[in-house]
Amino acid sequence: MAFSFLDPFLGPLFRLPSFLAILIFSLLISLLITLIYKYTTNQSLMKQLKGEIKEFQKEMKELKDKPGEVMRVQKEAMKTNLKYMSMSMKSTLITFIPIIFIFGWMNTHLAFEPIQQGDQFSTTVHFTRPMADGQVSLKVPDGLSIDGSATKDISGDSIIFTLKAGKEGTYTLDYIYKGQSYLQEVIVTSERAYADRLVKTTVKDSDIKSLEINYQKHIVLNLLGWKMGWLAVYIILSIAFSLGLRKLMKVY
């Protein structure tokens, strides 16, 4: 996988329950970002600019019945806002690329439920056009079995095969259409890992557009019926931690 180089560093954290792991992770990331922001910006100037922005906002409220004056103050406020944003750009650039890699790693481990030994799962073959002609056959290695027919007639813009995972391992599914093989990897494991959900075909002029493993979404937190995945939980926690840390560390 593209982000597997992060496994030795981040993997141990995700042996914990998902919510606890994301809570710790969001705290550490928020702390790191806050520290970088604090020590790569002129905090005295940032405090001054933030104070000026608040004064402009207060002034605009007082001048709400004078549109011309409000526009003048608004222009000044925008200049100050732009200066404030440009001052914080350096810290944003420093943290941007590492965060993208970390988010990618989290998505490859926390977006879906892994396929475990004994699980039933399905795969979908997507076609480039409705009612493509012919049949699709699926061959699976030992360790996997197909529930139902291994060959299906095409009757729409997709067909679904249902499989059962017999034992742990990494397997290659072989879809055969008009004499051409289309391969897709699937992982059966008790760990937080899974193969790519969607594989786009590289065969030129093929009727097959893509192959998909139909994973179940990994629910990290069910809050009064709101079933949240890892990203929603991370965003909520990181906002809370960032606000608290900035206030505690007096970061402007």
Protein backbone atom coordinates (compact mmCIF):
# COMPACT_ATOMS: atom_id res chain seq x y z
CA MET A 1 0.00 0.00 0.00
CA ALA A 2 1.08 3.57 -0.66
CA PHE A 3 1.32 4.55 3.02
CA SER A 4 2.70 1.28 4.46
CA PHE A 5 6.02 2.96 5.33
CA LEU A 6 4.18 4.57 8.27
CA ASP A 7 3.13 1.20 9.76
CA PRO A 8 6.14 0.84 12.14
CA PHE A 9 5.50 4.32 13.57
CA LEU A 10 1.71 4.49 13.74
CA GLY A 11 0.71 0.82 13.75
CA PRO A 12 1.10 0.18 17.52
CA LEU A 13 -1.32 3.02 18.34
CA PHE A 14 -4.12 1.34 16.39
CA ARG A 15 -3.97 -1.85 18.41
CA LEU A 16 -6.09 0.16 20.84
CA PRO A 17 -9.88 0.56 20.38
CA SER A 18 -10.47 2.88 17.41
CA PHE A 19 -12.00 5.77 19.38
CA LEU A 20 -9.21 5.79 21.97
CA ALA A 21 -6.56 5.58 19.23
CA ILE A 22 -8.08 8.52 17.32
CA LEU A 23 -8.44 10.53 20.56
CA ILE A 24 -4.72 10.07 21.37
CA PHE A 25 -3.76 10.65 17.75
CA SER A 26 -5.79 13.86 17.39
CA LEU A 27 -4.32 15.19 20.66
CA LEU A 28 -0.75 14.51 19.50
CA ILE A 29 -1.33 16.04 16.05
CA SER A 30 -3.07 19.09 17.55
CA LEU A 31 -0.19 19.56 19.99
CA LEU A 32 2.39 19.25 17.21
CA ILE A 33 0.57 21.74 14.96
CA THR A 34 0.12 24.19 17.84
CA LEU A 35 3.81 24.03 18.78
CA ILE A 36 4.93 24.50 15.17
CA TYR A 37 2.52 27.42 14.78
CA LYS A 38 3.73 29.05 17.99
CA TYR A 39 7.43 28.85 17.17
CA THR A 40 7.24 29.71 13.46
CA THR A 41 5.17 32.88 13.89
CA ASN A 42 5.80 36.23 15.56
CA GLN A 43 3.36 35.82 18.43
CA SER A 44 3.61 39.46 19.53
CA LEU A 45 2.59 40.63 16.06
CA MET A 46 -0.09 37.94 15.77
CA LYS A 47 -1.58 39.08 19.09
CA GLN A 48 -1.57 42.68 17.87
CA LEU A 49 -3.24 41.75 14.56
CA LYS A 50 -5.87 39.64 16.31
CA GLY A 51 -6.63 42.55 18.62
CA GLU A 52 -7.00 44.88 15.63
CA ILE A 53 -9.39 42.43 13.93
CA LYS A 54 -11.57 42.35 17.06
CA GLU A 55 -11.59 46.15 17.18
CA PHE A 56 -12.65 46.33 13.53
CA GLN A 57 -15.48 43.88 14.21
CA LYS A 58 -16.62 45.94 17.18
CA GLU A 59 -16.44 49.14 15.11
CA MET A 60 -18.52 47.62 12.28
CA LYS A 61 -21.27 46.68 14.76
CA GLU A 62 -21.35 50.26 16.05
CA LEU A 63 -21.50 51.66 12.50
CA LYS A 64 -24.19 49.27 11.20
CA ASP A 65 -26.47 52.23 10.35
CA LYS A 66 -23.72 53.90 8.26
CA PRO A 67 -23.06 51.66 5.23
CA GLY A 68 -20.31 53.89 3.84
CA GLU A 69 -18.34 53.82 7.07
CA VAL A 70 -18.88 50.07 7.41
CA MET A 71 -17.37 49.51 3.94
CA ARG A 72 -14.32 51.58 4.88
CA VAL A 73 -13.76 49.65 8.11
CA GLN A 74 -14.40 46.38 6.28
CA LYS A 75 -11.60 47.13 3.81
CA GLU A 76 -9.18 47.83 6.65
CA ALA A 77 -10.28 44.64 8.41
CA MET A 78 -9.66 42.62 5.24
CA LYS A 79 -6.12 44.01 4.94
CA THR A 80 -5.39 43.03 8.54
CA ASN A 81 -6.95 39.59 8.02
CA LEU A 82 -4.78 38.98 4.96
CA LYS A 83 -1.67 40.00 6.88
CA TYR A 84 -2.65 37.66 9.73
CA MET A 85 -3.20 34.77 7.30
CA SER A 86 0.06 35.38 5.44
CA MET A 87 1.95 35.33 8.76
CA SER A 88 0.53 31.87 9.54
CA MET A 89 1.22 30.46 6.06
CA LYS A 90 4.71 29.19 6.93
CA SER A 91 3.47 26.90 9.70
CA THR A 92 0.66 25.67 7.44
CA LEU A 93 3.13 24.69 4.72
CA ILE A 94 5.43 22.93 7.22
CA THR A 95 2.61 20.70 8.51
CA PHE A 96 0.62 20.21 5.29
CA ILE A 97 2.53 17.37 3.57
CA PRO A 98 3.13 15.23 6.72
CA ILE A 99 -0.55 15.56 7.64
CA ILE A 100 -1.62 14.44 4.14
CA PHE A 101 0.51 11.29 4.47
CA ILE A 102 -0.84 10.58 7.95
CA PHE A 103 -4.44 11.07 6.81
CA GLY A 104 -3.81 8.70 3.92
CA TRP A 105 -2.45 6.09 6.31
CA MET A 106 -5.44 6.46 8.64
CA ASN A 107 -7.85 6.06 5.73
CA THR A 108 -6.19 2.79 4.69
CA HIS A 109 -6.64 1.38 8.21
CA LEU A 110 -9.81 2.95 9.63
CA ALA A 111 -12.26 3.67 6.82
CA PHE A 112 -13.66 0.13 6.57
CA GLU A 113 -14.07 -3.05 8.56
CA PRO A 114 -11.44 -5.66 7.61
CA ILE A 115 -12.55 -8.96 6.11
CA GLN A 116 -11.95 -11.62 8.76
CA GLN A 117 -11.82 -15.41 8.66
CA GLY A 118 -15.36 -16.77 8.25
CA ASP A 119 -16.80 -13.47 6.95
CA GLN A 120 -19.03 -13.30 3.93
CA PHE A 121 -18.31 -10.41 1.57
CA SER A 122 -19.14 -9.33 -1.96
CA THR A 123 -17.40 -7.83 -4.96
CA THR A 124 -18.91 -5.80 -7.79
CA VAL A 125 -17.86 -5.65 -11.43
CA HIS A 126 -18.78 -2.25 -12.92
CA PHE A 127 -19.23 -1.85 -16.67
CA THR A 128 -18.65 1.20 -18.86
CA ARG A 129 -22.12 0.91 -20.39
CA PRO A 130 -25.45 -0.68 -19.40
CA MET A 131 -26.23 -4.08 -20.85
CA ALA A 132 -22.69 -5.02 -21.89
CA ASP A 133 -22.91 -8.42 -23.54
CA GLY A 134 -21.56 -11.77 -22.41
CA GLN A 135 -20.65 -13.38 -19.10
CA VAL A 136 -18.13 -12.81 -16.32
CA SER A 137 -16.48 -15.73 -14.52
CA LEU A 138 -14.67 -15.47 -11.20
CA LYS A 139 -11.81 -17.73 -10.11
CA VAL A 140 -10.67 -17.70 -6.49
CA PRO A 141 -7.67 -19.41 -4.84
CA ASP A 142 -7.84 -21.92 -1.98
CA GLY A 143 -8.85 -20.10 1.20
CA LEU A 144 -11.80 -18.35 -0.45
CA SER A 145 -15.06 -19.80 -1.75
CA ILE A 146 -17.84 -18.45 -3.96
CA ASP A 147 -21.45 -18.55 -2.74
CA GLY A 148 -23.56 -19.27 -5.80
CA SER A 149 -22.49 -19.43 -9.42
CA ALA A 150 -18.93 -18.56 -10.42
CA THR A 151 -20.18 -17.44 -13.85
CA LYS A 152 -22.83 -14.75 -14.27
CA ASP A 153 -24.66 -13.29 -17.25
CA ILE A 154 -24.45 -9.51 -17.59
CA SER A 155 -27.90 -7.96 -17.16
CA GLY A 156 -27.17 -4.36 -16.22
CA ASP A 157 -24.30 -1.97 -15.54
CA SER A 158 -22.85 -4.19 -12.78
CA ILE A 159 -22.83 -7.71 -11.39
CA ILE A 160 -22.12 -8.90 -7.85
CA PHE A 161 -20.30 -12.00 -6.64
CA THR A 162 -20.66 -13.17 -3.03
CA LEU A 163 -17.67 -14.88 -1.40
CA LYS A 164 -16.68 -16.39 1.93
CA ALA A 165 -13.30 -16.03 3.60
CA GLY A 166 -12.01 -19.42 4.74
CA LYS A 167 -8.68 -18.45 6.29
CA GLU A 168 -6.40 -15.46 6.71
CA GLY A 169 -4.11 -14.42 3.89
CA THR A 170 -3.69 -12.19 0.86
CA TYR A 171 -5.53 -13.45 -2.20
CA THR A 172 -5.92 -12.49 -5.85
CA LEU A 173 -9.38 -12.63 -7.42
CA ASP A 174 -9.35 -13.42 -11.14
CA TYR A 175 -12.32 -12.09 -13.13
CA ILE A 176 -12.48 -13.42 -16.70
CA TYR A 177 -14.42 -11.52 -19.36
CA LYS A 178 -14.18 -12.28 -23.08
CA GLY A 179 -10.95 -14.21 -22.54
CA GLN A 180 -9.28 -11.34 -20.65
CA SER A 181 -8.26 -11.62 -16.96
CA TYR A 182 -8.87 -8.77 -14.53
CA LEU A 183 -7.13 -9.12 -11.16
CA GLN A 184 -8.01 -7.72 -7.76
CA GLU A 185 -6.34 -8.27 -4.39
CA VAL A 186 -8.26 -9.03 -1.21
CA ILE A 187 -6.87 -9.39 2.33
CA VAL A 188 -8.40 -11.60 5.02
CA THR A 189 -7.05 -10.59 8.42
CA SER A 190 -7.99 -9.92 12.04
CA GLU A 191 -5.85 -6.76 11.98
CA ARG A 192 -6.91 -3.30 10.84
CA ALA A 193 -5.92 -3.76 7.19
CA TYR A 194 -7.59 -4.22 3.84
CA ALA A 195 -6.76 -4.06 0.14
CA ASP A 196 -7.77 -1.16 -2.10
CA ARG A 197 -11.55 -0.95 -2.33
CA LEU A 198 -11.69 0.06 -6.01
CA VAL A 199 -9.47 -1.07 -8.88
CA LYS A 200 -9.90 0.65 -12.24
CA THR A 201 -9.24 -1.42 -15.33
CA THR A 202 -6.14 -0.72 -17.39
CA VAL A 203 -7.32 -2.79 -20.37
CA LYS A 204 -7.91 -0.54 -23.38
CA ASP A 205 -11.47 -0.40 -24.81
CA SER A 206 -12.75 -2.86 -22.19
CA ASP A 207 -16.41 -2.97 -21.19
CA ILE A 208 -15.27 -3.40 -17.58
CA LYS A 209 -14.74 -0.05 -15.87
CA SER A 210 -13.70 -1.14 -12.38
CA LEU A 211 -13.72 -3.87 -9.75
CA GLU A 212 -14.91 -3.13 -6.22
CA ILE A 213 -14.77 -4.91 -2.87
CA ASN A 214 -17.88 -3.97 -0.90
CA TYR A 215 -16.43 -3.33 2.54
CA GLN A 216 -18.59 -2.33 5.48
CA LYS A 217 -17.91 1.17 6.81
CA HIS A 218 -16.03 1.19 10.11
CA ILE A 219 -18.17 3.01 12.68
CA VAL A 220 -15.93 4.58 15.31
CA LEU A 221 -18.68 6.30 17.33
CA ASN A 222 -22.47 6.00 17.29
CA LEU A 223 -23.76 9.23 18.83
CA LEU A 224 -27.55 9.17 19.15
CA GLY A 225 -27.91 7.52 15.76
CA TRP A 226 -25.18 9.56 14.08
CA LYS A 227 -22.77 6.86 12.95
CA MET A 228 -19.40 8.56 12.65
CA GLY A 229 -16.38 7.26 10.79
CA TRP A 230 -12.79 8.05 11.69
CA LEU A 231 -12.64 11.39 9.86
CA ALA A 232 -15.71 12.92 11.56
CA VAL A 233 -14.44 11.83 14.99
CA TYR A 234 -10.95 13.15 14.24
CA ILE A 235 -12.25 16.56 13.07
CA ILE A 236 -14.44 17.04 16.16
CA LEU A 237 -11.68 16.00 18.57
CA SER A 238 -8.94 17.96 16.83
CA ILE A 239 -11.02 21.17 16.85
CA ALA A 240 -11.66 20.74 20.58
CA PHE A 241 -8.01 19.97 21.34
CA SER A 242 -6.70 22.79 19.13
CA LEU A 243 -8.93 25.40 20.79
CA GLY A 244 -7.96 24.16 24.25
CA LEU A 245 -4.22 23.98 23.53
CA ARG A 246 -4.10 27.41 21.87
CA LYS A 247 -5.81 28.94 24.89
CA LEU A 248 -3.61 27.04 27.36
CA MET A 249 -0.39 27.91 25.52
CA LYS A 250 -1.51 31.47 24.73
CA VAL A 251 -1.15 31.07 20.98
CA TYR A 252 -2.67 33.82 18.82
